[in-house]
Amino acid sequence: MSFLRFLLALLLFLRLTPGPVAQVPKAQSVTISFTGDCTIATDRGSFKSGSLNWYTTNHEYSYFLEKVEPIFSGDDITVVNCENVLSDRDLPIRDKGSAGAFYFTGPAANAKIFSGSSVEVACLANNHMRDYGEDGLEDTVAALQAEGLLVAEENKPVYVEKNGITVAILACQMWYAGSERALYPILQEMTENSDVQVIYPHGGAEGTYYVEPWRTQAFHNLIDRGADIIVGTHAHLLQPMEKYKGGTIIYCLGNFCFGGNVRPSNRTAIYQCTVTLGDDGPEIADTIIPCYVYTGSRNNWQPCPVEETDPVYQKILDYMNGLTESPM
């Protein structure tokens, strides 16, 4: 074979031989779970028989969230609202101007309820975080951090990086129309430093399934300013979910592990979302996981997923999707 014919054959072979297949980058995603109010304490630190604090001396700390721990350990980030003080000091209460006010506190070791059940972030922006003044708040932060939790204090965004995605979480209080405006500069900072922006507001009226129009407008304004996910707390009852301009709003998740009442409303849910980074920004896939606050005739301080065959399961889903006026 002449050299020229050999060279032509070689070029043809190289042209027809397939090269390595280009790998399409896998879309990055992160799964986050949110709960409502967690009061892992009792009023004025009581250890009355049957109370949550009493349970901590008669059960393992893992008892309280053991029914939902598989959900939390299966996600990337779990976020809770810690609505109580954790301190081993005998601190004076802060005068709230009401004889019937509650002052929730428990030992610092109660933070193990979270750390032993795959909770990563505890939010402290709520109306009980200063029940025992600034000293109580400082002790609570220290107790949670000692257990390895990331603490989101009021109006101080925290950043969590998972799977190459940075999630910003802002815990805040919102009590009146226009209160969201103070968050705009913080939200701008979050947008510049993260891929996903989460707002976790505490506020609104208690004990109602009704969402006040000012809260709807405020949450819409925050989505307009760049928030991707808003998860409300404080009402002690579930309030519905809404999709708005590609973002997700949960108006309230109600109580979860709730040491403040022996018979609270027994409907709650875990909001879980998987956020995937797309060319046009975060894409959010929502999941509502219906749960009981307790099982049995009274609060056993142990939230539990509702079985899919239980009629309550569909009642909660229908309500959260705006199809009914109540999950009961």
C-alpha atoms as a PDB file:
ATOM      1  CA  MET A   1       0.000   0.000   0.000  1.00  0.00           C
ATOM      2  CA  SER A   2       1.379   3.370  -0.919  1.00  0.00           C
ATOM      3  CA  PHE A   3       1.975   5.892   1.835  1.00  0.00           C
ATOM      4  CA  LEU A   4      -0.717   8.159   0.380  1.00  0.00           C
ATOM      5  CA  ARG A   5      -3.334   5.394   0.408  1.00  0.00           C
ATOM      6  CA  PHE A   6      -2.304   4.491   3.972  1.00  0.00           C
ATOM      7  CA  LEU A   7      -2.675   8.078   5.091  1.00  0.00           C
ATOM      8  CA  LEU A   8      -6.142   8.382   3.522  1.00  0.00           C
ATOM      9  CA  ALA A   9      -7.276   5.139   5.176  1.00  0.00           C
ATOM     10  CA  LEU A  10      -6.011   6.356   8.557  1.00  0.00           C
ATOM     11  CA  LEU A  11      -7.851   9.642   8.246  1.00  0.00           C
ATOM     12  CA  LEU A  12     -11.070   7.835   7.320  1.00  0.00           C
ATOM     13  CA  PHE A  13     -10.711   5.504  10.320  1.00  0.00           C
ATOM     14  CA  LEU A  14     -10.206   8.387  12.692  1.00  0.00           C
ATOM     15  CA  ARG A  15     -13.205  10.167  11.274  1.00  0.00           C
ATOM     16  CA  LEU A  16     -15.520   7.175  11.676  1.00  0.00           C
ATOM     17  CA  THR A  17     -14.291   6.065  15.107  1.00  0.00           C
ATOM     18  CA  PRO A  18     -16.572   7.515  17.805  1.00  0.00           C
ATOM     19  CA  GLY A  19     -14.875   9.612  20.453  1.00  0.00           C
ATOM     20  CA  PRO A  20     -15.789   9.802  24.113  1.00  0.00           C
ATOM     21  CA  VAL A  21     -19.451  10.666  24.790  1.00  0.00           C
ATOM     22  CA  ALA A  22     -19.824  14.126  26.312  1.00  0.00           C
ATOM     23  CA  GLN A  23     -21.186  13.922  29.835  1.00  0.00           C
ATOM     24  CA  VAL A  24     -24.277  16.041  30.476  1.00  0.00           C
ATOM     25  CA  PRO A  25     -23.852  17.716  33.868  1.00  0.00           C
ATOM     26  CA  LYS A  26     -26.320  16.413  36.421  1.00  0.00           C
ATOM     27  CA  ALA A  27     -28.635  19.136  37.725  1.00  0.00           C
ATOM     28  CA  GLN A  28     -27.762  20.187  41.242  1.00  0.00           C
ATOM     29  CA  SER A  29     -30.510  19.803  43.831  1.00  0.00           C
ATOM     30  CA  VAL A  30     -31.029  20.063  47.583  1.00  0.00           C
ATOM     31  CA  THR A  31     -33.899  18.704  49.724  1.00  0.00           C
ATOM     32  CA  ILE A  32     -35.058  20.765  52.712  1.00  0.00           C
ATOM     33  CA  SER A  33     -37.625  19.884  55.407  1.00  0.00           C
ATOM     34  CA  PHE A  34     -39.446  22.472  57.529  1.00  0.00           C
ATOM     35  CA  THR A  35     -41.585  22.091  60.650  1.00  0.00           C
ATOM     36  CA  GLY A  36     -43.765  24.441  62.634  1.00  0.00           C
ATOM     37  CA  ASP A  37     -43.432  25.489  66.274  1.00  0.00           C
ATOM     38  CA  CYS A  38     -41.261  23.274  68.446  1.00  0.00           C
ATOM     39  CA  THR A  39     -41.581  24.052  72.151  1.00  0.00           C
ATOM     40  CA  ILE A  40     -39.170  21.553  73.684  1.00  0.00           C
ATOM     41  CA  ALA A  41     -39.806  22.900  77.186  1.00  0.00           C
ATOM     42  CA  THR A  42     -42.652  23.732  79.586  1.00  0.00           C
ATOM     43  CA  ASP A  43     -44.173  26.842  81.094  1.00  0.00           C
ATOM     44  CA  ARG A  44     -41.761  28.274  83.686  1.00  0.00           C
ATOM     45  CA  GLY A  45     -39.620  25.148  83.439  1.00  0.00           C
ATOM     46  CA  SER A  46     -42.081  22.880  85.250  1.00  0.00           C
ATOM     47  CA  PHE A  47     -41.269  19.171  85.605  1.00  0.00           C
ATOM     48  CA  LYS A  48     -44.858  18.276  86.461  1.00  0.00           C
ATOM     49  CA  SER A  49     -45.621  14.597  85.889  1.00  0.00           C
ATOM     50  CA  GLY A  50     -46.465  13.986  82.239  1.00  0.00           C
ATOM     51  CA  SER A  51     -45.051  17.319  81.001  1.00  0.00           C
ATOM     52  CA  LEU A  52     -42.455  17.498  78.250  1.00  0.00           C
ATOM     53  CA  ASN A  53     -39.674  18.336  80.713  1.00  0.00           C
ATOM     54  CA  TRP A  54     -40.748  15.360  82.833  1.00  0.00           C
ATOM     55  CA  TYR A  55     -40.605  13.155  79.726  1.00  0.00           C
ATOM     56  CA  THR A  56     -36.953  14.134  79.224  1.00  0.00           C
ATOM     57  CA  THR A  57     -36.124  12.514  82.563  1.00  0.00           C
ATOM     58  CA  ASN A  58     -38.061   9.343  81.755  1.00  0.00           C
ATOM     59  CA  HIS A  59     -37.263   8.827  78.052  1.00  0.00           C
ATOM     60  CA  GLU A  60     -34.292   9.087  75.739  1.00  0.00           C
ATOM     61  CA  TYR A  61     -33.981  12.431  73.957  1.00  0.00           C
ATOM     62  CA  SER A  62     -34.449  10.584  70.676  1.00  0.00           C
ATOM     63  CA  TYR A  63     -38.003   9.643  71.777  1.00  0.00           C
ATOM     64  CA  PHE A  64     -39.537  13.001  70.866  1.00  0.00           C
ATOM     65  CA  LEU A  65     -38.781  13.019  67.127  1.00  0.00           C
ATOM     66  CA  GLU A  66     -38.207   9.318  66.527  1.00  0.00           C
ATOM     67  CA  LYS A  67     -41.341   8.961  64.370  1.00  0.00           C
ATOM     68  CA  VAL A  68     -40.171  11.668  61.967  1.00  0.00           C
ATOM     69  CA  GLU A  69     -36.402  11.147  62.189  1.00  0.00           C
ATOM     70  CA  PRO A  70     -36.324   8.943  59.057  1.00  0.00           C
ATOM     71  CA  ILE A  71     -37.734  11.895  57.110  1.00  0.00           C
ATOM     72  CA  PHE A  72     -35.167  14.283  58.552  1.00  0.00           C
ATOM     73  CA  SER A  73     -32.216  11.965  58.063  1.00  0.00           C
ATOM     74  CA  GLY A  74     -33.273  11.412  54.453  1.00  0.00           C
ATOM     75  CA  ASP A  75     -33.115  15.095  53.504  1.00  0.00           C
ATOM     76  CA  ASP A  76     -30.172  17.476  53.198  1.00  0.00           C
ATOM     77  CA  ILE A  77     -31.331  20.178  55.635  1.00  0.00           C
ATOM     78  CA  THR A  78     -34.008  20.162  58.362  1.00  0.00           C
ATOM     79  CA  VAL A  79     -35.223  23.505  59.744  1.00  0.00           C
ATOM     80  CA  VAL A  80     -37.322  23.995  62.913  1.00  0.00           C
ATOM     81  CA  ASN A  81     -38.663  26.912  64.925  1.00  0.00           C
ATOM     82  CA  CYS A  82     -37.389  26.603  68.509  1.00  0.00           C
ATOM     83  CA  GLU A  83     -39.951  28.550  70.527  1.00  0.00           C
ATOM     84  CA  ASN A  84     -38.538  28.374  74.044  1.00  0.00           C
ATOM     85  CA  VAL A  85     -35.518  29.154  76.173  1.00  0.00           C
ATOM     86  CA  LEU A  86     -32.915  26.522  77.011  1.00  0.00           C
ATOM     87  CA  SER A  87     -30.924  27.352  80.115  1.00  0.00           C
ATOM     88  CA  ASP A  88     -29.573  25.750  83.284  1.00  0.00           C
ATOM     89  CA  ARG A  89     -29.638  29.086  85.125  1.00  0.00           C
ATOM     90  CA  ASP A  90     -32.422  30.361  87.384  1.00  0.00           C
ATOM     91  CA  LEU A  91     -33.263  33.415  85.301  1.00  0.00           C
ATOM     92  CA  PRO A  92     -35.999  35.962  86.045  1.00  0.00           C
ATOM     93  CA  ILE A  93     -38.907  36.147  83.628  1.00  0.00           C
ATOM     94  CA  ARG A  94     -39.412  39.152  81.397  1.00  0.00           C
ATOM     95  CA  ASP A  95     -42.569  41.064  82.301  1.00  0.00           C
ATOM     96  CA  LYS A  96     -45.014  40.721  79.405  1.00  0.00           C
ATOM     97  CA  GLY A  97     -47.731  42.772  81.055  1.00  0.00           C
ATOM     98  CA  SER A  98     -50.165  39.867  81.261  1.00  0.00           C
ATOM     99  CA  ALA A  99     -50.892  37.568  84.191  1.00  0.00           C
ATOM    100  CA  GLY A 100     -51.750  34.753  81.801  1.00  0.00           C
ATOM    101  CA  ALA A 101     -48.532  34.920  79.763  1.00  0.00           C
ATOM    102  CA  PHE A 102     -46.485  31.783  79.133  1.00  0.00           C
ATOM    103  CA  TYR A 103     -42.744  31.513  79.785  1.00  0.00           C
ATOM    104  CA  PHE A 104     -41.324  28.405  78.161  1.00  0.00           C
ATOM    105  CA  THR A 105     -37.991  27.049  79.351  1.00  0.00           C
ATOM    106  CA  GLY A 106     -36.153  23.762  79.699  1.00  0.00           C
ATOM    107  CA  PRO A 107     -32.650  22.518  80.528  1.00  0.00           C
ATOM    108  CA  ALA A 108     -29.870  23.121  78.017  1.00  0.00           C
ATOM    109  CA  ALA A 109     -29.694  19.368  77.447  1.00  0.00           C
ATOM    110  CA  ASN A 110     -33.123  19.501  75.764  1.00  0.00           C
ATOM    111  CA  ALA A 111     -31.249  20.666  72.658  1.00  0.00           C
ATOM    112  CA  LYS A 112     -30.386  16.975  72.212  1.00  0.00           C
ATOM    113  CA  ILE A 113     -33.994  16.483  71.080  1.00  0.00           C
ATOM    114  CA  PHE A 114     -32.976  18.229  67.863  1.00  0.00           C
ATOM    115  CA  SER A 115     -29.385  17.096  67.475  1.00  0.00           C
ATOM    116  CA  GLY A 116     -30.242  13.428  67.977  1.00  0.00           C
ATOM    117  CA  SER A 117     -32.869  13.473  65.221  1.00  0.00           C
ATOM    118  CA  SER A 118     -31.029  15.019  62.268  1.00  0.00           C
ATOM    119  CA  VAL A 119     -32.185  18.619  62.710  1.00  0.00           C
ATOM    120  CA  GLU A 120     -29.579  21.000  61.312  1.00  0.00           C
ATOM    121  CA  VAL A 121     -31.032  24.521  61.719  1.00  0.00           C
ATOM    122  CA  ALA A 122     -32.948  26.033  64.648  1.00  0.00           C
ATOM    123  CA  CYS A 123     -34.669  29.398  64.155  1.00  0.00           C
ATOM    124  CA  LEU A 124     -35.054  31.718  67.139  1.00  0.00           C
ATOM    125  CA  ALA A 125     -37.137  34.591  65.771  1.00  0.00           C
ATOM    126  CA  ASN A 126     -40.366  34.282  67.763  1.00  0.00           C
ATOM    127  CA  ASN A 127     -42.291  35.810  70.655  1.00  0.00           C
ATOM    128  CA  HIS A 128     -40.840  33.430  73.279  1.00  0.00           C
ATOM    129  CA  MET A 129     -37.133  33.724  72.508  1.00  0.00           C
ATOM    130  CA  ARG A 130     -36.741  36.466  75.154  1.00  0.00           C
ATOM    131  CA  ASP A 131     -39.083  35.029  77.809  1.00  0.00           C
ATOM    132  CA  TYR A 132     -36.102  35.185  80.159  1.00  0.00           C
ATOM    133  CA  GLY A 133     -34.418  38.262  78.734  1.00  0.00           C
ATOM    134  CA  GLU A 134     -31.199  38.516  76.781  1.00  0.00           C
ATOM    135  CA  ASP A 135     -29.475  36.065  79.142  1.00  0.00           C
ATOM    136  CA  GLY A 136     -32.035  33.407  78.280  1.00  0.00           C
ATOM    137  CA  LEU A 137     -31.560  34.017  74.558  1.00  0.00           C
ATOM    138  CA  GLU A 138     -27.766  33.788  74.888  1.00  0.00           C
ATOM    139  CA  ASP A 139     -28.039  30.533  76.836  1.00  0.00           C
ATOM    140  CA  THR A 140     -30.381  29.095  74.192  1.00  0.00           C
ATOM    141  CA  VAL A 141     -27.992  29.933  71.362  1.00  0.00           C
ATOM    142  CA  ALA A 142     -25.124  28.374  73.314  1.00  0.00           C
ATOM    143  CA  ALA A 143     -27.108  25.208  74.109  1.00  0.00           C
ATOM    144  CA  LEU A 144     -28.093  24.667  70.474  1.00  0.00           C
ATOM    145  CA  GLN A 145     -24.633  25.414  69.134  1.00  0.00           C
ATOM    146  CA  ALA A 146     -23.091  23.040  71.666  1.00  0.00           C
ATOM    147  CA  GLU A 147     -25.167  20.301  70.009  1.00  0.00           C
ATOM    148  CA  GLY A 148     -23.874  21.231  66.578  1.00  0.00           C
ATOM    149  CA  LEU A 149     -26.942  23.076  65.316  1.00  0.00           C
ATOM    150  CA  LEU A 150     -26.776  26.134  63.112  1.00  0.00           C
ATOM    151  CA  VAL A 151     -28.751  28.874  64.865  1.00  0.00           C
ATOM    152  CA  ALA A 152     -30.727  31.430  62.854  1.00  0.00           C
ATOM    153  CA  GLU A 153     -31.203  34.407  65.146  1.00  0.00           C
ATOM    154  CA  GLU A 154     -33.646  37.166  64.303  1.00  0.00           C
ATOM    155  CA  ASN A 155     -32.811  39.051  61.086  1.00  0.00           C
ATOM    156  CA  LYS A 156     -29.403  37.350  60.824  1.00  0.00           C
ATOM    157  CA  PRO A 157     -29.343  35.111  57.739  1.00  0.00           C
ATOM    158  CA  VAL A 158     -27.491  31.814  57.945  1.00  0.00           C
ATOM    159  CA  TYR A 159     -26.004  30.032  54.959  1.00  0.00           C
ATOM    160  CA  VAL A 160     -25.920  26.277  54.404  1.00  0.00           C
ATOM    161  CA  GLU A 161     -24.001  24.724  51.517  1.00  0.00           C
ATOM    162  CA  LYS A 162     -25.145  21.288  50.329  1.00  0.00           C
ATOM    163  CA  ASN A 163     -24.510  19.495  47.047  1.00  0.00           C
ATOM    164  CA  GLY A 164     -22.861  22.579  45.614  1.00  0.00           C
ATOM    165  CA  ILE A 165     -25.918  24.745  46.383  1.00  0.00           C
ATOM    166  CA  THR A 166     -25.900  27.569  48.936  1.00  0.00           C
ATOM    167  CA  VAL A 167     -29.183  28.022  50.818  1.00  0.00           C
ATOM    168  CA  ALA A 168     -29.797  31.231  52.786  1.00  0.00           C
ATOM    169  CA  ILE A 169     -32.311  31.073  55.664  1.00  0.00           C
ATOM    170  CA  LEU A 170     -33.674  34.200  57.336  1.00  0.00           C
ATOM    171  CA  ALA A 171     -35.642  33.888  60.592  1.00  0.00           C
ATOM    172  CA  CYS A 172     -37.725  36.969  61.340  1.00  0.00           C
ATOM    173  CA  GLN A 173     -40.861  38.292  63.041  1.00  0.00           C
ATOM    174  CA  MET A 174     -43.697  39.963  61.109  1.00  0.00           C
ATOM    175  CA  TRP A 175     -46.631  41.416  62.998  1.00  0.00           C
ATOM    176  CA  TYR A 176     -48.153  44.141  60.832  1.00  0.00           C
ATOM    177  CA  ALA A 177     -48.585  45.374  57.267  1.00  0.00           C
ATOM    178  CA  GLY A 178     -45.377  46.755  55.859  1.00  0.00           C
ATOM    179  CA  SER A 179     -43.108  44.908  58.287  1.00  0.00           C
ATOM    180  CA  GLU A 180     -41.574  43.076  55.340  1.00  0.00           C
ATOM    181  CA  ARG A 181     -39.926  46.271  54.102  1.00  0.00           C
ATOM    182  CA  ALA A 182     -37.272  46.090  56.815  1.00  0.00           C
ATOM    183  CA  LEU A 183     -36.223  42.738  55.335  1.00  0.00           C
ATOM    184  CA  TYR A 184     -35.538  44.030  51.823  1.00  0.00           C
ATOM    185  CA  PRO A 185     -31.861  44.970  52.431  1.00  0.00           C
ATOM    186  CA  ILE A 186     -31.254  41.611  54.140  1.00  0.00           C
ATOM    187  CA  LEU A 187     -32.940  39.756  51.295  1.00  0.00           C
ATOM    188  CA  GLN A 188     -30.754  41.622  48.817  1.00  0.00           C
ATOM    189  CA  GLU A 189     -27.669  40.454  50.713  1.00  0.00           C
ATOM    190  CA  MET A 190     -28.987  36.888  50.689  1.00  0.00           C
ATOM    191  CA  THR A 191     -29.657  37.023  46.945  1.00  0.00           C
ATOM    192  CA  GLU A 192     -26.100  38.151  46.287  1.00  0.00           C
ATOM    193  CA  ASN A 193     -24.579  35.383  48.428  1.00  0.00           C
ATOM    194  CA  SER A 194     -26.743  32.303  47.841  1.00  0.00           C
ATOM    195  CA  ASP A 195     -28.573  30.249  45.248  1.00  0.00           C
ATOM    196  CA  VAL A 196     -31.812  29.741  47.219  1.00  0.00           C
ATOM    197  CA  GLN A 197     -33.422  32.286  49.548  1.00  0.00           C
ATOM    198  CA  VAL A 198     -35.703  31.083  52.367  1.00  0.00           C
ATOM    199  CA  ILE A 199     -37.726  33.378  54.670  1.00  0.00           C
ATOM    200  CA  TYR A 200     -39.049  31.856  57.915  1.00  0.00           C
ATOM    201  CA  PRO A 201     -41.407  34.500  59.405  1.00  0.00           C
ATOM    202  CA  HIS A 202     -43.170  34.289  62.757  1.00  0.00           C
ATOM    203  CA  GLY A 203     -46.313  36.355  63.245  1.00  0.00           C
ATOM    204  CA  GLY A 204     -49.962  36.947  62.489  1.00  0.00           C
ATOM    205  CA  ALA A 205     -53.069  36.055  64.454  1.00  0.00           C
ATOM    206  CA  GLU A 206     -53.143  32.940  66.648  1.00  0.00           C
ATOM    207  CA  GLY A 207     -55.743  30.183  66.540  1.00  0.00           C
ATOM    208  CA  THR A 208     -57.179  30.822  63.088  1.00  0.00           C
ATOM    209  CA  TYR A 209     -57.146  29.141  59.680  1.00  0.00           C
ATOM    210  CA  TYR A 210     -57.752  32.557  58.118  1.00  0.00           C
ATOM    211  CA  VAL A 211     -54.771  34.225  56.446  1.00  0.00           C
ATOM    212  CA  GLU A 212     -54.885  37.973  56.942  1.00  0.00           C
ATOM    213  CA  PRO A 213     -54.677  39.928  53.647  1.00  0.00           C
ATOM    214  CA  TRP A 214     -51.697  41.929  54.904  1.00  0.00           C
ATOM    215  CA  ARG A 215     -49.694  38.729  55.340  1.00  0.00           C
ATOM    216  CA  THR A 216     -50.562  37.564  51.836  1.00  0.00           C
ATOM    217  CA  GLN A 217     -49.401  40.903  50.436  1.00  0.00           C
ATOM    218  CA  ALA A 218     -46.255  40.930  52.557  1.00  0.00           C
ATOM    219  CA  PHE A 219     -45.269  37.420  51.479  1.00  0.00           C
ATOM    220  CA  HIS A 220     -45.967  38.260  47.831  1.00  0.00           C
ATOM    221  CA  ASN A 221     -43.762  41.335  48.173  1.00  0.00           C
ATOM    222  CA  LEU A 222     -40.916  39.185  49.495  1.00  0.00           C
ATOM    223  CA  ILE A 223     -41.228  36.767  46.570  1.00  0.00           C
ATOM    224  CA  ASP A 224     -41.203  39.774  44.231  1.00  0.00           C
ATOM    225  CA  ARG A 225     -37.959  40.900  45.891  1.00  0.00           C
ATOM    226  CA  GLY A 226     -36.213  37.571  45.352  1.00  0.00           C
ATOM    227  CA  ALA A 227     -37.339  35.105  48.023  1.00  0.00           C
ATOM    228  CA  ASP A 228     -37.890  31.565  46.746  1.00  0.00           C
ATOM    229  CA  ILE A 229     -39.560  29.912  49.762  1.00  0.00           C
ATOM    230  CA  ILE A 230     -41.540  31.394  52.675  1.00  0.00           C
ATOM    231  CA  VAL A 231     -42.596  29.205  55.614  1.00  0.00           C
ATOM    232  CA  GLY A 232     -44.728  30.876  58.290  1.00  0.00           C
ATOM    233  CA  THR A 233     -45.200  29.974  61.962  1.00  0.00           C
ATOM    234  CA  HIS A 234     -47.051  31.222  65.082  1.00  0.00           C
ATOM    235  CA  ALA A 235     -50.781  30.601  64.447  1.00  0.00           C
ATOM    236  CA  HIS A 236     -50.625  27.180  66.218  1.00  0.00           C
ATOM    237  CA  LEU A 237     -52.794  25.895  63.359  1.00  0.00           C
ATOM    238  CA  LEU A 238     -52.031  24.860  59.810  1.00  0.00           C
ATOM    239  CA  GLN A 239     -52.586  27.484  57.127  1.00  0.00           C
ATOM    240  CA  PRO A 240     -52.555  26.747  53.383  1.00  0.00           C
ATOM    241  CA  MET A 241     -49.841  26.602  50.741  1.00  0.00           C
ATOM    242  CA  GLU A 242     -49.699  28.931  47.745  1.00  0.00           C
ATOM    243  CA  LYS A 243     -47.579  28.993  44.588  1.00  0.00           C
ATOM    244  CA  TYR A 244     -46.705  32.536  43.546  1.00  0.00           C
ATOM    245  CA  LYS A 245     -44.471  33.494  40.610  1.00  0.00           C
ATOM    246  CA  GLY A 246     -42.492  30.267  40.853  1.00  0.00           C
ATOM    247  CA  GLY A 247     -41.998  30.571  44.608  1.00  0.00           C
ATOM    248  CA  THR A 248     -43.687  28.600  47.389  1.00  0.00           C
ATOM    249  CA  ILE A 249     -45.516  30.094  50.373  1.00  0.00           C
ATOM    250  CA  ILE A 250     -46.654  28.076  53.389  1.00  0.00           C
ATOM    251  CA  TYR A 251     -48.669  30.505  55.495  1.00  0.00           C
ATOM    252  CA  CYS A 252     -48.291  28.449  58.683  1.00  0.00           C
ATOM    253  CA  LEU A 253     -47.177  24.944  59.639  1.00  0.00           C
ATOM    254  CA  GLY A 254     -48.871  25.018  63.048  1.00  0.00           C
ATOM    255  CA  ASN A 255     -47.416  23.207  66.064  1.00  0.00           C
ATOM    256  CA  PHE A 256     -45.015  20.295  65.791  1.00  0.00           C
ATOM    257  CA  CYS A 257     -43.261  18.969  68.892  1.00  0.00           C
ATOM    258  CA  PHE A 258     -45.189  21.243  71.198  1.00  0.00           C
ATOM    259  CA  GLY A 259     -44.628  21.193  74.941  1.00  0.00           C
ATOM    260  CA  GLY A 260     -46.986  24.075  75.660  1.00  0.00           C
ATOM    261  CA  ASN A 261     -50.344  22.326  75.684  1.00  0.00           C
ATOM    262  CA  VAL A 262     -51.611  18.850  76.561  1.00  0.00           C
ATOM    263  CA  ARG A 263     -54.282  18.950  73.829  1.00  0.00           C
ATOM    264  CA  PRO A 264     -53.270  21.306  71.008  1.00  0.00           C
ATOM    265  CA  SER A 265     -54.827  21.069  67.571  1.00  0.00           C
ATOM    266  CA  ASN A 266     -53.751  17.637  66.372  1.00  0.00           C
ATOM    267  CA  ARG A 267     -53.030  18.508  62.752  1.00  0.00           C
ATOM    268  CA  THR A 268     -49.619  19.477  61.456  1.00  0.00           C
ATOM    269  CA  ALA A 269     -47.343  18.790  58.513  1.00  0.00           C
ATOM    270  CA  ILE A 270     -43.761  18.724  57.390  1.00  0.00           C
ATOM    271  CA  TYR A 271     -43.152  20.853  54.325  1.00  0.00           C
ATOM    272  CA  GLN A 272     -40.403  19.285  52.251  1.00  0.00           C
ATOM    273  CA  CYS A 273     -39.082  20.690  49.009  1.00  0.00           C
ATOM    274  CA  THR A 274     -36.434  19.672  46.530  1.00  0.00           C
ATOM    275  CA  VAL A 275     -34.833  22.679  44.889  1.00  0.00           C
ATOM    276  CA  THR A 276     -33.027  22.157  41.594  1.00  0.00           C
ATOM    277  CA  LEU A 277     -30.921  24.861  40.011  1.00  0.00           C
ATOM    278  CA  GLY A 278     -32.064  25.440  36.442  1.00  0.00           C
ATOM    279  CA  ASP A 279     -31.048  27.902  33.748  1.00  0.00           C
ATOM    280  CA  ASP A 280     -33.820  30.253  34.856  1.00  0.00           C
ATOM    281  CA  GLY A 281     -33.170  29.930  38.583  1.00  0.00           C
ATOM    282  CA  PRO A 282     -34.380  27.556  41.304  1.00  0.00           C
ATOM    283  CA  GLU A 283     -37.101  25.067  40.434  1.00  0.00           C
ATOM    284  CA  ILE A 284     -39.072  23.954  43.507  1.00  0.00           C
ATOM    285  CA  ALA A 285     -40.808  20.589  43.838  1.00  0.00           C
ATOM    286  CA  ASP A 286     -43.137  20.686  46.870  1.00  0.00           C
ATOM    287  CA  THR A 287     -44.209  17.856  49.166  1.00  0.00           C
ATOM    288  CA  ILE A 288     -46.596  18.097  52.115  1.00  0.00           C
ATOM    289  CA  ILE A 289     -46.173  15.278  54.658  1.00  0.00           C
ATOM    290  CA  PRO A 290     -49.298  15.184  56.889  1.00  0.00           C
ATOM    291  CA  CYS A 291     -48.563  14.534  60.566  1.00  0.00           C
ATOM    292  CA  TYR A 292     -50.275  14.299  63.923  1.00  0.00           C
ATOM    293  CA  VAL A 293     -48.892  16.528  66.684  1.00  0.00           C
ATOM    294  CA  TYR A 294     -49.464  13.595  69.041  1.00  0.00           C
ATOM    295  CA  THR A 295     -50.997  10.136  69.131  1.00  0.00           C
ATOM    296  CA  GLY A 296     -53.362   8.952  71.823  1.00  0.00           C
ATOM    297  CA  SER A 297     -55.854  10.870  73.947  1.00  0.00           C
ATOM    298  CA  ARG A 298     -53.457  13.666  74.939  1.00  0.00           C
ATOM    299  CA  ASN A 299     -50.117  15.138  73.967  1.00  0.00           C
ATOM    300  CA  ASN A 300     -47.298  12.604  74.218  1.00  0.00           C
ATOM    301  CA  TRP A 301     -44.849  15.159  72.755  1.00  0.00           C
ATOM    302  CA  GLN A 302     -44.160  12.938  69.747  1.00  0.00           C
ATOM    303  CA  PRO A 303     -45.286  14.108  66.271  1.00  0.00           C
ATOM    304  CA  CYS A 304     -46.043  11.240  63.931  1.00  0.00           C
ATOM    305  CA  PRO A 305     -46.667  10.975  60.167  1.00  0.00           C
ATOM    306  CA  VAL A 306     -50.246  10.164  59.199  1.00  0.00           C
ATOM    307  CA  GLU A 307     -50.685   6.891  57.330  1.00  0.00           C
ATOM    308  CA  GLU A 308     -51.843   7.346  53.731  1.00  0.00           C
ATOM    309  CA  THR A 309     -54.815   5.058  54.406  1.00  0.00           C
ATOM    310  CA  ASP A 310     -55.986   7.324  57.242  1.00  0.00           C
ATOM    311  CA  PRO A 311     -58.731   9.759  56.073  1.00  0.00           C
ATOM    312  CA  VAL A 312     -56.915  12.554  57.926  1.00  0.00           C
ATOM    313  CA  TYR A 313     -54.051  12.238  55.435  1.00  0.00           C
ATOM    314  CA  GLN A 314     -56.151  13.460  52.508  1.00  0.00           C
ATOM    315  CA  LYS A 315     -57.941  16.040  54.651  1.00  0.00           C
ATOM    316  CA  ILE A 316     -54.624  17.724  55.445  1.00  0.00           C
ATOM    317  CA  LEU A 317     -53.486  17.598  51.811  1.00  0.00           C
ATOM    318  CA  ASP A 318     -56.784  19.015  50.544  1.00  0.00           C
ATOM    319  CA  TYR A 319     -56.657  21.831  53.065  1.00  0.00           C
ATOM    320  CA  MET A 320     -53.022  22.735  52.375  1.00  0.00           C
ATOM    321  CA  ASN A 321     -53.838  22.876  48.666  1.00  0.00           C
ATOM    322  CA  GLY A 322     -56.710  25.281  49.267  1.00  0.00           C
ATOM    323  CA  LEU A 323     -59.520  22.838  48.520  1.00  0.00           C
ATOM    324  CA  THR A 324     -61.181  22.992  51.965  1.00  0.00           C
ATOM    325  CA  GLU A 325     -61.521  25.531  54.767  1.00  0.00           C
ATOM    326  CA  SER A 326     -60.144  23.280  57.510  1.00  0.00           C
ATOM    327  CA  PRO A 327     -57.980  20.151  57.862  1.00  0.00           C
ATOM    328  CA  MET A 328     -60.301  18.743  60.532  1.00  0.00           C
END
